Amino acid sequence: MKLSATPNIILSRTDNIGDVVLTLPLAQAIKKKYPGATILFLGKKYLKPLIDCCEHINQFIDWDTLSSIPEQEASFALKGRGAEVIIHVFPRPEIARIAYKADIKYRIGTSHRFYNWLYCNKRIDFTRKNSPLHEAQLNFKLAEPLGINTIPLLEELGNSYGLTRLPTLHEEWRKKLDPGKFNLILHPLSRGSARNWDWKNYNRLIEILPADKFNIFVTGTEEESALITENILLYHPGVTDLTGKLSFEQLIAFIANADGLVAASTGPLHIAAALGKKAIGLYPSIRPMHPGRWAPLGPNAHYLALDKDCIDCKNGGHCKCINDITAEQVKLILS
């Protein structure tokens, strides 16, 4: 597979925040291999502030807008980007079809999706579900046609995000940070993307962290605000409520200015890890949700998971194994 000296390469990943964060090291690797490349990222509109932070990515393509127009128009619009390569990191049949109609020269996808046999001409034989590799490493499998044949170590990936173009934190949020304390963010909910740590555990953590050393915030969406208020904030008036108050851009900026974050396997956890914060992830042990696949990666990233086979996890109910992780264990990492 031979590319021009200055190829346009699209990374297509239209799922969620954490997934996108873990794709950014692949952009860095492509830039190293092809210094003259222009990297375009095809993703959901709300993720643009995150992509704008990454020095390895040159342009953002808004999938929400592209998907709202007729397919023929969408393929014409994609063709206008002049891409030689598209890598379907997150597979979607409609995007594969649009890229095919856009006459993108090299269309890379996994061979385990039947529609890729119709629309991709570079198919990689691997599956994510039972792989021992981390999600960030698995992304590199799709770069093999580009001549990127080495899977980086997790330590290398943790320093490869390129989030250097950070937004400025607005003064109204900056003044809530205490430079004399450890500014800790708790992000207790995951919008269904992960198993959550119980409220009692978050409340216990707040109780045992010394108030003279920790300045605690809680974040979440506007829709989660009532639930977080009912289960945490009513019991801890000293915790600063940021639920539903920050735009995504300002959430990134706030995490960048804080000192640490505790959460289940969520997007804000991966952002904190990528920014070098003390990011503590709380995980069940069951595949594919386990930390072997989704642990936060970064120089100060940590995770906690019990080494046990959890029936509750398998049944999709209340997850005992994640809730057996204690607040004292989290405090020990924060200390």
C-alpha atoms as a PDB file:
ATOM      1  CA  MET A   1       0.000   0.000   0.000  1.00  0.00           C
ATOM      2  CA  LYS A   2       1.768   3.148  -1.222  1.00  0.00           C
ATOM      3  CA  LEU A   3       0.609   6.596  -0.140  1.00  0.00           C
ATOM      4  CA  SER A   4       1.492  10.022  -1.434  1.00  0.00           C
ATOM      5  CA  ALA A   5       3.962  12.172   0.510  1.00  0.00           C
ATOM      6  CA  THR A   6       1.125  14.217   2.027  1.00  0.00           C
ATOM      7  CA  PRO A   7      -1.847  11.864   2.386  1.00  0.00           C
ATOM      8  CA  ASN A   8      -5.183  12.794   3.905  1.00  0.00           C
ATOM      9  CA  ILE A   9      -6.160  10.030   6.339  1.00  0.00           C
ATOM     10  CA  ILE A  10      -9.535   9.746   8.049  1.00  0.00           C
ATOM     11  CA  LEU A  11      -9.964   8.075  11.424  1.00  0.00           C
ATOM     12  CA  SER A  12     -13.616   7.148  11.820  1.00  0.00           C
ATOM     13  CA  ARG A  13     -14.790   6.644  15.402  1.00  0.00           C
ATOM     14  CA  THR A  14     -18.370   7.668  16.100  1.00  0.00           C
ATOM     15  CA  ASP A  15     -18.877   6.194  19.553  1.00  0.00           C
ATOM     16  CA  ASN A  16     -18.185   7.824  22.931  1.00  0.00           C
ATOM     17  CA  ILE A  17     -15.661   9.956  24.803  1.00  0.00           C
ATOM     18  CA  GLY A  18     -13.454   7.257  26.311  1.00  0.00           C
ATOM     19  CA  ASP A  19     -13.307   5.304  23.059  1.00  0.00           C
ATOM     20  CA  VAL A  20     -12.212   8.422  21.208  1.00  0.00           C
ATOM     21  CA  VAL A  21      -9.554   9.318  23.810  1.00  0.00           C
ATOM     22  CA  LEU A  22      -8.030   5.861  23.413  1.00  0.00           C
ATOM     23  CA  THR A  23      -7.860   6.346  19.631  1.00  0.00           C
ATOM     24  CA  LEU A  24      -5.704   9.492  19.837  1.00  0.00           C
ATOM     25  CA  PRO A  25      -2.370   7.618  20.231  1.00  0.00           C
ATOM     26  CA  LEU A  26      -3.041   6.031  16.835  1.00  0.00           C
ATOM     27  CA  ALA A  27      -3.163   9.512  15.324  1.00  0.00           C
ATOM     28  CA  GLN A  28       0.267  10.234  16.789  1.00  0.00           C
ATOM     29  CA  ALA A  29       1.688   7.017  15.344  1.00  0.00           C
ATOM     30  CA  ILE A  30       0.353   7.854  11.887  1.00  0.00           C
ATOM     31  CA  LYS A  31       1.883  11.334  12.094  1.00  0.00           C
ATOM     32  CA  LYS A  32       5.249   9.814  12.992  1.00  0.00           C
ATOM     33  CA  LYS A  33       5.064   7.386  10.087  1.00  0.00           C
ATOM     34  CA  TYR A  34       3.789  10.018   7.625  1.00  0.00           C
ATOM     35  CA  PRO A  35       4.957  13.461   8.814  1.00  0.00           C
ATOM     36  CA  GLY A  36       3.270  15.165   5.883  1.00  0.00           C
ATOM     37  CA  ALA A  37      -0.112  13.569   6.543  1.00  0.00           C
ATOM     38  CA  THR A  38      -3.287  15.466   7.301  1.00  0.00           C
ATOM     39  CA  ILE A  39      -5.313  13.550   9.884  1.00  0.00           C
ATOM     40  CA  LEU A  40      -9.070  14.001   9.793  1.00  0.00           C
ATOM     41  CA  PHE A  41     -11.316  12.663  12.547  1.00  0.00           C
ATOM     42  CA  LEU A  42     -14.875  11.607  11.755  1.00  0.00           C
ATOM     43  CA  GLY A  43     -16.907  11.645  14.965  1.00  0.00           C
ATOM     44  CA  LYS A  44     -20.015  12.798  16.782  1.00  0.00           C
ATOM     45  CA  LYS A  45     -20.503  16.545  16.890  1.00  0.00           C
ATOM     46  CA  TYR A  46     -20.345  16.853  20.675  1.00  0.00           C
ATOM     47  CA  LEU A  47     -16.807  15.405  20.647  1.00  0.00           C
ATOM     48  CA  LYS A  48     -15.331  18.227  18.587  1.00  0.00           C
ATOM     49  CA  PRO A  49     -13.941  20.095  21.651  1.00  0.00           C
ATOM     50  CA  LEU A  50     -11.922  16.998  22.533  1.00  0.00           C
ATOM     51  CA  ILE A  51     -10.576  16.537  19.012  1.00  0.00           C
ATOM     52  CA  ASP A  52      -9.712  20.237  18.870  1.00  0.00           C
ATOM     53  CA  CYS A  53      -7.366  19.644  21.838  1.00  0.00           C
ATOM     54  CA  CYS A  54      -5.292  17.039  19.991  1.00  0.00           C
ATOM     55  CA  GLU A  55      -2.185  18.301  18.217  1.00  0.00           C
ATOM     56  CA  HIS A  56      -2.057  15.173  16.038  1.00  0.00           C
ATOM     57  CA  ILE A  57      -5.418  15.833  14.326  1.00  0.00           C
ATOM     58  CA  ASN A  58      -5.844  18.537  11.709  1.00  0.00           C
ATOM     59  CA  GLN A  59      -9.537  18.521  10.859  1.00  0.00           C
ATOM     60  CA  PHE A  60     -12.821  17.356  12.348  1.00  0.00           C
ATOM     61  CA  ILE A  61     -15.667  15.884  10.289  1.00  0.00           C
ATOM     62  CA  ASP A  62     -19.058  16.128  11.967  1.00  0.00           C
ATOM     63  CA  TRP A  63     -20.841  12.790  11.581  1.00  0.00           C
ATOM     64  CA  ASP A  64     -24.137  14.198  12.892  1.00  0.00           C
ATOM     65  CA  THR A  65     -24.274  16.640   9.991  1.00  0.00           C
ATOM     66  CA  LEU A  66     -23.008  14.122   7.434  1.00  0.00           C
ATOM     67  CA  SER A  67     -25.561  11.520   8.507  1.00  0.00           C
ATOM     68  CA  SER A  68     -28.440  13.996   8.274  1.00  0.00           C
ATOM     69  CA  ILE A  69     -28.148  14.474   4.499  1.00  0.00           C
ATOM     70  CA  PRO A  70     -28.901  11.994   1.685  1.00  0.00           C
ATOM     71  CA  GLU A  71     -26.238   9.335   1.300  1.00  0.00           C
ATOM     72  CA  GLN A  72     -25.216  10.449  -2.173  1.00  0.00           C
ATOM     73  CA  GLU A  73     -24.639  13.989  -0.915  1.00  0.00           C
ATOM     74  CA  ALA A  74     -22.742  12.649   2.093  1.00  0.00           C
ATOM     75  CA  SER A  75     -20.430  10.589  -0.114  1.00  0.00           C
ATOM     76  CA  PHE A  76     -19.829  13.636  -2.322  1.00  0.00           C
ATOM     77  CA  ALA A  77     -19.018  15.745   0.764  1.00  0.00           C
ATOM     78  CA  LEU A  78     -16.625  13.087   2.048  1.00  0.00           C
ATOM     79  CA  LYS A  79     -14.980  12.819  -1.351  1.00  0.00           C
ATOM     80  CA  GLY A  80     -14.348  16.556  -1.198  1.00  0.00           C
ATOM     81  CA  ARG A  81     -12.010  15.994   1.755  1.00  0.00           C
ATOM     82  CA  GLY A  82      -9.513  14.379  -0.614  1.00  0.00           C
ATOM     83  CA  ALA A  83      -8.761  11.415   1.609  1.00  0.00           C
ATOM     84  CA  GLU A  84      -6.560   8.563   0.389  1.00  0.00           C
ATOM     85  CA  VAL A  85      -7.297   6.406   3.425  1.00  0.00           C
ATOM     86  CA  ILE A  86     -10.136   5.854   5.847  1.00  0.00           C
ATOM     87  CA  ILE A  87      -9.687   3.642   8.906  1.00  0.00           C
ATOM     88  CA  HIS A  88     -12.965   2.366  10.315  1.00  0.00           C
ATOM     89  CA  VAL A  89     -11.871   2.219  13.946  1.00  0.00           C
ATOM     90  CA  PHE A  90     -15.490   1.978  15.070  1.00  0.00           C
ATOM     91  CA  PRO A  91     -17.330  -0.018  12.395  1.00  0.00           C
ATOM     92  CA  ARG A  92     -20.592   1.298  10.974  1.00  0.00           C
ATOM     93  CA  PRO A  93     -22.075  -0.073   7.747  1.00  0.00           C
ATOM     94  CA  GLU A  94     -23.422   3.298   6.604  1.00  0.00           C
ATOM     95  CA  ILE A  95     -20.004   4.946   6.943  1.00  0.00           C
ATOM     96  CA  ALA A  96     -18.323   2.053   5.147  1.00  0.00           C
ATOM     97  CA  ARG A  97     -20.795   2.437   2.299  1.00  0.00           C
ATOM     98  CA  ILE A  98     -20.388   6.225   2.105  1.00  0.00           C
ATOM     99  CA  ALA A  99     -16.574   5.906   2.031  1.00  0.00           C
ATOM    100  CA  TYR A 100     -16.867   3.325  -0.756  1.00  0.00           C
ATOM    101  CA  LYS A 101     -19.096   5.652  -2.799  1.00  0.00           C
ATOM    102  CA  ALA A 102     -16.674   8.511  -2.119  1.00  0.00           C
ATOM    103  CA  ASP A 103     -13.966   6.551  -3.975  1.00  0.00           C
ATOM    104  CA  ILE A 104     -11.514   6.707  -1.079  1.00  0.00           C
ATOM    105  CA  LYS A 105      -8.579   4.706  -2.383  1.00  0.00           C
ATOM    106  CA  TYR A 106      -7.802   2.639   0.719  1.00  0.00           C
ATOM    107  CA  ARG A 107     -10.635   1.646   3.032  1.00  0.00           C
ATOM    108  CA  ILE A 108      -9.480  -0.267   6.106  1.00  0.00           C
ATOM    109  CA  GLY A 109     -11.736  -2.313   8.372  1.00  0.00           C
ATOM    110  CA  THR A 110     -11.933  -5.611  10.220  1.00  0.00           C
ATOM    111  CA  SER A 111     -12.669  -8.741   8.218  1.00  0.00           C
ATOM    112  CA  HIS A 112     -15.188  -9.845  10.848  1.00  0.00           C
ATOM    113  CA  ARG A 113     -17.895  -7.457   9.605  1.00  0.00           C
ATOM    114  CA  PHE A 114     -19.699  -8.856   6.583  1.00  0.00           C
ATOM    115  CA  TYR A 115     -20.335  -5.427   5.035  1.00  0.00           C
ATOM    116  CA  ASN A 116     -16.610  -4.686   5.040  1.00  0.00           C
ATOM    117  CA  TRP A 117     -16.224  -7.398   2.418  1.00  0.00           C
ATOM    118  CA  LEU A 118     -18.402  -5.197   0.211  1.00  0.00           C
ATOM    119  CA  TYR A 119     -16.991  -1.786   1.049  1.00  0.00           C
ATOM    120  CA  CYS A 120     -13.431  -2.178   2.385  1.00  0.00           C
ATOM    121  CA  ASN A 121     -10.451  -3.226   0.282  1.00  0.00           C
ATOM    122  CA  LYS A 122      -8.036  -3.627   3.208  1.00  0.00           C
ATOM    123  CA  ARG A 123      -9.459  -6.035   5.763  1.00  0.00           C
ATOM    124  CA  ILE A 124      -7.653  -6.970   8.978  1.00  0.00           C
ATOM    125  CA  ASP A 125      -8.322 -10.345  10.569  1.00  0.00           C
ATOM    126  CA  PHE A 126      -8.785  -9.667  14.277  1.00  0.00           C
ATOM    127  CA  THR A 127     -11.568  -9.414  16.816  1.00  0.00           C
ATOM    128  CA  ARG A 128     -11.730  -7.195  19.884  1.00  0.00           C
ATOM    129  CA  LYS A 129     -14.082  -9.206  22.086  1.00  0.00           C
ATOM    130  CA  ASN A 130     -11.727 -11.874  23.421  1.00  0.00           C
ATOM    131  CA  SER A 131      -8.387 -10.240  22.747  1.00  0.00           C
ATOM    132  CA  PRO A 132      -5.884  -9.855  25.632  1.00  0.00           C
ATOM    133  CA  LEU A 133      -4.919  -6.441  24.273  1.00  0.00           C
ATOM    134  CA  HIS A 134      -6.074  -3.084  25.620  1.00  0.00           C
ATOM    135  CA  GLU A 135      -8.528  -1.084  23.490  1.00  0.00           C
ATOM    136  CA  ALA A 136      -5.832   1.480  22.657  1.00  0.00           C
ATOM    137  CA  GLN A 137      -3.538  -1.316  21.459  1.00  0.00           C
ATOM    138  CA  LEU A 138      -6.287  -2.968  19.429  1.00  0.00           C
ATOM    139  CA  ASN A 139      -6.717   0.221  17.421  1.00  0.00           C
ATOM    140  CA  PHE A 140      -3.174  -0.279  16.113  1.00  0.00           C
ATOM    141  CA  LYS A 141      -4.160  -3.543  14.443  1.00  0.00           C
ATOM    142  CA  LEU A 142      -6.044  -1.476  11.883  1.00  0.00           C
ATOM    143  CA  ALA A 143      -2.902   0.491  11.037  1.00  0.00           C
ATOM    144  CA  GLU A 144      -1.033  -2.524   9.696  1.00  0.00           C
ATOM    145  CA  PRO A 145      -1.760  -1.645   6.021  1.00  0.00           C
ATOM    146  CA  LEU A 146      -0.045   1.711   6.695  1.00  0.00           C
ATOM    147  CA  GLY A 147       3.135  -0.098   7.650  1.00  0.00           C
ATOM    148  CA  ILE A 148       2.602   0.418  11.383  1.00  0.00           C
ATOM    149  CA  ASN A 149       3.263  -3.108  12.578  1.00  0.00           C
ATOM    150  CA  THR A 150       4.280  -2.631  16.217  1.00  0.00           C
ATOM    151  CA  ILE A 151       1.769  -2.651  19.062  1.00  0.00           C
ATOM    152  CA  PRO A 152       2.995  -0.064  21.609  1.00  0.00           C
ATOM    153  CA  LEU A 153       3.360  -0.863  25.288  1.00  0.00           C
ATOM    154  CA  LEU A 154       0.717   0.592  27.596  1.00  0.00           C
ATOM    155  CA  GLU A 155       3.333   2.889  29.140  1.00  0.00           C
ATOM    156  CA  GLU A 156       4.074   4.351  25.718  1.00  0.00           C
ATOM    157  CA  LEU A 157       0.407   4.857  24.919  1.00  0.00           C
ATOM    158  CA  GLY A 158      -0.128   6.759  28.148  1.00  0.00           C
ATOM    159  CA  ASN A 159       2.129   9.530  26.883  1.00  0.00           C
ATOM    160  CA  SER A 160       0.861   9.653  23.300  1.00  0.00           C
ATOM    161  CA  TYR A 161      -2.423  11.584  23.383  1.00  0.00           C
ATOM    162  CA  GLY A 162      -1.196  14.988  22.285  1.00  0.00           C
ATOM    163  CA  LEU A 163      -3.796  16.972  24.243  1.00  0.00           C
ATOM    164  CA  THR A 164      -1.802  20.184  24.134  1.00  0.00           C
ATOM    165  CA  ARG A 165      -4.349  22.634  22.699  1.00  0.00           C
ATOM    166  CA  LEU A 166      -6.444  22.939  25.832  1.00  0.00           C
ATOM    167  CA  PRO A 167      -9.269  25.451  26.248  1.00  0.00           C
ATOM    168  CA  THR A 168      -9.007  28.208  28.837  1.00  0.00           C
ATOM    169  CA  LEU A 169     -10.984  27.580  32.012  1.00  0.00           C
ATOM    170  CA  HIS A 170     -13.491  30.354  32.657  1.00  0.00           C
ATOM    171  CA  GLU A 171     -12.824  32.416  35.755  1.00  0.00           C
ATOM    172  CA  GLU A 172     -16.112  31.455  37.440  1.00  0.00           C
ATOM    173  CA  TRP A 173     -14.905  27.850  37.539  1.00  0.00           C
ATOM    174  CA  ARG A 174     -11.238  28.585  38.153  1.00  0.00           C
ATOM    175  CA  LYS A 175     -12.009  30.443  41.397  1.00  0.00           C
ATOM    176  CA  LYS A 176     -13.664  27.310  42.800  1.00  0.00           C
ATOM    177  CA  LEU A 177     -10.315  25.497  42.740  1.00  0.00           C
ATOM    178  CA  ASP A 178      -8.192  25.691  45.894  1.00  0.00           C
ATOM    179  CA  PRO A 179      -4.434  25.825  45.169  1.00  0.00           C
ATOM    180  CA  GLY A 180      -3.724  24.789  48.762  1.00  0.00           C
ATOM    181  CA  LYS A 181      -5.678  21.517  48.506  1.00  0.00           C
ATOM    182  CA  PHE A 182      -5.972  18.478  46.276  1.00  0.00           C
ATOM    183  CA  ASN A 183      -8.817  19.339  43.912  1.00  0.00           C
ATOM    184  CA  LEU A 184     -10.640  16.045  43.399  1.00  0.00           C
ATOM    185  CA  ILE A 185     -13.441  15.361  40.924  1.00  0.00           C
ATOM    186  CA  LEU A 186     -15.927  12.560  41.548  1.00  0.00           C
ATOM    187  CA  HIS A 187     -17.839  11.465  38.457  1.00  0.00           C
ATOM    188  CA  PRO A 188     -20.275   8.880  39.852  1.00  0.00           C
ATOM    189  CA  LEU A 189     -22.441   7.965  36.849  1.00  0.00           C
ATOM    190  CA  SER A 190     -21.628   6.590  33.411  1.00  0.00           C
ATOM    191  CA  ARG A 191     -24.829   6.964  31.384  1.00  0.00           C
ATOM    192  CA  GLY A 192     -25.039   3.192  31.129  1.00  0.00           C
ATOM    193  CA  SER A 193     -21.607   2.703  29.541  1.00  0.00           C
ATOM    194  CA  ALA A 194     -20.090   1.009  32.597  1.00  0.00           C
ATOM    195  CA  ARG A 195     -20.871  -0.605  35.927  1.00  0.00           C
ATOM    196  CA  ASN A 196     -21.120   2.088  38.616  1.00  0.00           C
ATOM    197  CA  TRP A 197     -19.653   2.212  42.115  1.00  0.00           C
ATOM    198  CA  ASP A 198     -22.438   2.460  44.731  1.00  0.00           C
ATOM    199  CA  TRP A 199     -23.491   5.771  46.236  1.00  0.00           C
ATOM    200  CA  LYS A 200     -22.537   4.488  49.697  1.00  0.00           C
ATOM    201  CA  ASN A 201     -18.967   4.081  48.494  1.00  0.00           C
ATOM    202  CA  TYR A 202     -18.747   7.630  47.154  1.00  0.00           C
ATOM    203  CA  ASN A 203     -20.279   8.952  50.373  1.00  0.00           C
ATOM    204  CA  ARG A 204     -17.811   6.954  52.432  1.00  0.00           C
ATOM    205  CA  LEU A 205     -14.914   8.292  50.364  1.00  0.00           C
ATOM    206  CA  ILE A 206     -16.037  11.878  50.954  1.00  0.00           C
ATOM    207  CA  GLU A 207     -16.332  11.172  54.703  1.00  0.00           C
ATOM    208  CA  ILE A 208     -12.814   9.785  55.077  1.00  0.00           C
ATOM    209  CA  LEU A 209     -10.934  12.323  52.943  1.00  0.00           C
ATOM    210  CA  PRO A 210      -9.641  15.119  55.214  1.00  0.00           C
ATOM    211  CA  ALA A 211     -11.474  18.378  54.501  1.00  0.00           C
ATOM    212  CA  ASP A 212      -8.305  20.353  55.155  1.00  0.00           C
ATOM    213  CA  LYS A 213      -6.506  18.515  52.352  1.00  0.00           C
ATOM    214  CA  PHE A 214      -9.181  17.813  49.725  1.00  0.00           C
ATOM    215  CA  ASN A 215     -11.452  20.137  47.763  1.00  0.00           C
ATOM    216  CA  ILE A 216     -14.127  17.873  46.275  1.00  0.00           C
ATOM    217  CA  PHE A 217     -16.314  18.392  43.211  1.00  0.00           C
ATOM    218  CA  VAL A 218     -18.966  16.213  41.654  1.00  0.00           C
ATOM    219  CA  THR A 219     -19.660  16.251  37.921  1.00  0.00           C
ATOM    220  CA  GLY A 220     -22.299  14.753  35.654  1.00  0.00           C
ATOM    221  CA  THR A 221     -24.897  15.697  33.086  1.00  0.00           C
ATOM    222  CA  GLU A 222     -27.937  17.880  33.675  1.00  0.00           C
ATOM    223  CA  GLU A 223     -30.111  14.759  33.423  1.00  0.00           C
ATOM    224  CA  GLU A 224     -28.075  13.130  36.218  1.00  0.00           C
ATOM    225  CA  SER A 225     -28.214  16.172  38.495  1.00  0.00           C
ATOM    226  CA  ALA A 226     -31.303  15.226  40.530  1.00  0.00           C
ATOM    227  CA  LEU A 227     -30.002  11.710  41.168  1.00  0.00           C
ATOM    228  CA  ILE A 228     -26.570  12.969  42.237  1.00  0.00           C
ATOM    229  CA  THR A 229     -28.130  15.612  44.479  1.00  0.00           C
ATOM    230  CA  GLU A 230     -30.395  13.044  46.143  1.00  0.00           C
ATOM    231  CA  ASN A 231     -27.648  10.513  46.746  1.00  0.00           C
ATOM    232  CA  ILE A 232     -24.536  12.628  47.445  1.00  0.00           C
ATOM    233  CA  LEU A 233     -24.969  16.381  47.652  1.00  0.00           C
ATOM    234  CA  LEU A 234     -27.750  16.408  50.277  1.00  0.00           C
ATOM    235  CA  TYR A 235     -25.364  14.628  52.642  1.00  0.00           C
ATOM    236  CA  HIS A 236     -22.252  16.658  51.869  1.00  0.00           C
ATOM    237  CA  PRO A 237     -22.873  20.419  51.613  1.00  0.00           C
ATOM    238  CA  GLY A 238     -19.124  21.004  51.406  1.00  0.00           C
ATOM    239  CA  VAL A 239     -18.904  19.261  48.011  1.00  0.00           C
ATOM    240  CA  THR A 240     -19.127  21.603  45.018  1.00  0.00           C
ATOM    241  CA  ASP A 241     -21.876  20.663  42.584  1.00  0.00           C
ATOM    242  CA  LEU A 242     -20.877  21.000  38.921  1.00  0.00           C
ATOM    243  CA  THR A 243     -23.510  18.651  37.481  1.00  0.00           C
ATOM    244  CA  GLY A 244     -25.027  20.075  34.327  1.00  0.00           C
ATOM    245  CA  LYS A 245     -23.115  23.325  34.737  1.00  0.00           C
ATOM    246  CA  LEU A 246     -20.077  22.764  32.508  1.00  0.00           C
ATOM    247  CA  SER A 247     -20.019  22.592  28.728  1.00  0.00           C
ATOM    248  CA  PHE A 248     -17.939  19.709  27.418  1.00  0.00           C
ATOM    249  CA  GLU A 249     -15.175  22.164  26.542  1.00  0.00           C
ATOM    250  CA  GLN A 250     -15.185  23.557  30.075  1.00  0.00           C
ATOM    251  CA  LEU A 251     -15.298  20.068  31.578  1.00  0.00           C
ATOM    252  CA  ILE A 252     -12.062  19.296  29.736  1.00  0.00           C
ATOM    253  CA  ALA A 253     -10.571  22.573  30.972  1.00  0.00           C
ATOM    254  CA  PHE A 254     -11.706  21.913  34.536  1.00  0.00           C
ATOM    255  CA  ILE A 255     -10.198  18.413  34.558  1.00  0.00           C
ATOM    256  CA  ALA A 256      -6.969  19.912  33.187  1.00  0.00           C
ATOM    257  CA  ASN A 257      -6.847  22.359  36.119  1.00  0.00           C
ATOM    258  CA  ALA A 258      -7.868  19.883  38.836  1.00  0.00           C
ATOM    259  CA  ASP A 259      -5.563  17.334  40.472  1.00  0.00           C
ATOM    260  CA  GLY A 260      -7.446  14.063  40.227  1.00  0.00           C
ATOM    261  CA  LEU A 261     -10.608  12.209  39.325  1.00  0.00           C
ATOM    262  CA  VAL A 262     -12.391   9.083  40.549  1.00  0.00           C
ATOM    263  CA  ALA A 263     -14.925   7.310  38.323  1.00  0.00           C
ATOM    264  CA  ALA A 264     -15.947   4.054  36.774  1.00  0.00           C
ATOM    265  CA  SER A 265     -14.913   3.390  33.164  1.00  0.00           C
ATOM    266  CA  THR A 266     -16.138   6.702  31.734  1.00  0.00           C
ATOM    267  CA  GLY A 267     -14.965   9.359  29.306  1.00  0.00           C
ATOM    268  CA  PRO A 268     -13.925  11.877  31.993  1.00  0.00           C
ATOM    269  CA  LEU A 269     -11.727   9.195  33.585  1.00  0.00           C
ATOM    270  CA  HIS A 270      -9.848   8.685  30.318  1.00  0.00           C
ATOM    271  CA  ILE A 271      -9.545  12.433  29.771  1.00  0.00           C
ATOM    272  CA  ALA A 272      -8.037  12.835  33.247  1.00  0.00           C
ATOM    273  CA  ALA A 273      -5.572  10.007  32.583  1.00  0.00           C
ATOM    274  CA  ALA A 274      -4.603  11.491  29.223  1.00  0.00           C
ATOM    275  CA  LEU A 275      -3.949  14.851  30.900  1.00  0.00           C
ATOM    276  CA  GLY A 276      -1.609  13.286  33.446  1.00  0.00           C
ATOM    277  CA  LYS A 277      -3.969  13.683  36.408  1.00  0.00           C
ATOM    278  CA  LYS A 278      -4.285  11.126  39.199  1.00  0.00           C
ATOM    279  CA  ALA A 279      -7.087   9.175  37.547  1.00  0.00           C
ATOM    280  CA  ILE A 280      -8.531   6.286  39.550  1.00  0.00           C
ATOM    281  CA  GLY A 281     -10.790   3.917  37.635  1.00  0.00           C
ATOM    282  CA  LEU A 282     -13.165   1.465  39.326  1.00  0.00           C
ATOM    283  CA  TYR A 283     -13.831  -1.700  37.332  1.00  0.00           C
ATOM    284  CA  PRO A 284     -15.647  -5.026  37.382  1.00  0.00           C
ATOM    285  CA  SER A 285     -13.544  -8.053  36.544  1.00  0.00           C
ATOM    286  CA  ILE A 286     -15.715  -9.512  33.787  1.00  0.00           C
ATOM    287  CA  ARG A 287     -14.750  -9.348  30.116  1.00  0.00           C
ATOM    288  CA  PRO A 288     -15.024  -7.163  28.097  1.00  0.00           C
ATOM    289  CA  MET A 289     -15.539  -4.483  30.795  1.00  0.00           C
ATOM    290  CA  HIS A 290     -12.416  -5.404  32.752  1.00  0.00           C
ATOM    291  CA  PRO A 291      -9.399  -3.085  33.127  1.00  0.00           C
ATOM    292  CA  GLY A 292      -7.290  -5.277  30.850  1.00  0.00           C
ATOM    293  CA  ARG A 293      -9.380  -3.851  28.023  1.00  0.00           C
ATOM    294  CA  TRP A 294     -10.411  -0.418  29.338  1.00  0.00           C
ATOM    295  CA  ALA A 295      -8.029   0.729  32.091  1.00  0.00           C
ATOM    296  CA  PRO A 296      -7.116   4.423  32.032  1.00  0.00           C
ATOM    297  CA  LEU A 297      -3.686   4.998  30.512  1.00  0.00           C
ATOM    298  CA  GLY A 298      -1.456   7.808  31.665  1.00  0.00           C
ATOM    299  CA  PRO A 299       1.570   8.577  33.831  1.00  0.00           C
ATOM    300  CA  ASN A 300      -0.624   8.934  36.955  1.00  0.00           C
ATOM    301  CA  ALA A 301      -3.450   6.560  36.046  1.00  0.00           C
ATOM    302  CA  HIS A 302      -4.583   3.813  38.405  1.00  0.00           C
ATOM    303  CA  TYR A 303      -7.384   1.297  38.567  1.00  0.00           C
ATOM    304  CA  LEU A 304      -9.000  -0.957  41.137  1.00  0.00           C
ATOM    305  CA  ALA A 305     -10.705  -4.269  40.346  1.00  0.00           C
ATOM    306  CA  LEU A 306     -11.247  -7.434  42.330  1.00  0.00           C
ATOM    307  CA  ASP A 307      -9.830 -10.628  40.903  1.00  0.00           C
ATOM    308  CA  LYS A 308     -13.024 -12.647  40.961  1.00  0.00           C
ATOM    309  CA  ASP A 309     -15.703 -14.087  38.716  1.00  0.00           C
ATOM    310  CA  CYS A 310     -18.826 -11.997  39.272  1.00  0.00           C
ATOM    311  CA  ILE A 311     -22.188 -13.609  38.510  1.00  0.00           C
ATOM    312  CA  ASP A 312     -23.935 -10.265  39.042  1.00  0.00           C
ATOM    313  CA  CYS A 313     -21.846  -8.693  36.278  1.00  0.00           C
ATOM    314  CA  LYS A 314     -22.757 -11.480  33.895  1.00  0.00           C
ATOM    315  CA  ASN A 315     -26.452 -11.002  34.606  1.00  0.00           C
ATOM    316  CA  GLY A 316     -26.266  -7.234  34.148  1.00  0.00           C
ATOM    317  CA  GLY A 317     -27.563  -6.519  37.650  1.00  0.00           C
ATOM    318  CA  HIS A 318     -26.163  -4.888  40.772  1.00  0.00           C
ATOM    319  CA  CYS A 319     -22.449  -5.536  40.436  1.00  0.00           C
ATOM    320  CA  LYS A 320     -21.077  -6.833  43.731  1.00  0.00           C
ATOM    321  CA  CYS A 321     -17.470  -7.114  42.594  1.00  0.00           C
ATOM    322  CA  ILE A 322     -17.085  -3.410  41.788  1.00  0.00           C
ATOM    323  CA  ASN A 323     -18.939  -2.420  44.965  1.00  0.00           C
ATOM    324  CA  ASP A 324     -16.656  -4.555  47.110  1.00  0.00           C
ATOM    325  CA  ILE A 325     -13.895  -2.101  46.192  1.00  0.00           C
ATOM    326  CA  THR A 326     -13.642   0.060  49.305  1.00  0.00           C
ATOM    327  CA  ALA A 327     -13.342   3.791  49.763  1.00  0.00           C
ATOM    328  CA  GLU A 328     -10.290   3.092  51.896  1.00  0.00           C
ATOM    329  CA  GLN A 329      -8.560   1.522  48.883  1.00  0.00           C
ATOM    330  CA  VAL A 330      -9.247   4.633  46.833  1.00  0.00           C
ATOM    331  CA  LYS A 331      -8.055   6.896  49.655  1.00  0.00           C
ATOM    332  CA  LEU A 332      -4.788   4.966  49.814  1.00  0.00           C
ATOM    333  CA  ILE A 333      -4.065   5.797  46.166  1.00  0.00           C
ATOM    334  CA  LEU A 334      -5.012   9.444  46.688  1.00  0.00           C
ATOM    335  CA  SER A 335      -2.809   9.794  49.766  1.00  0.00           C
END
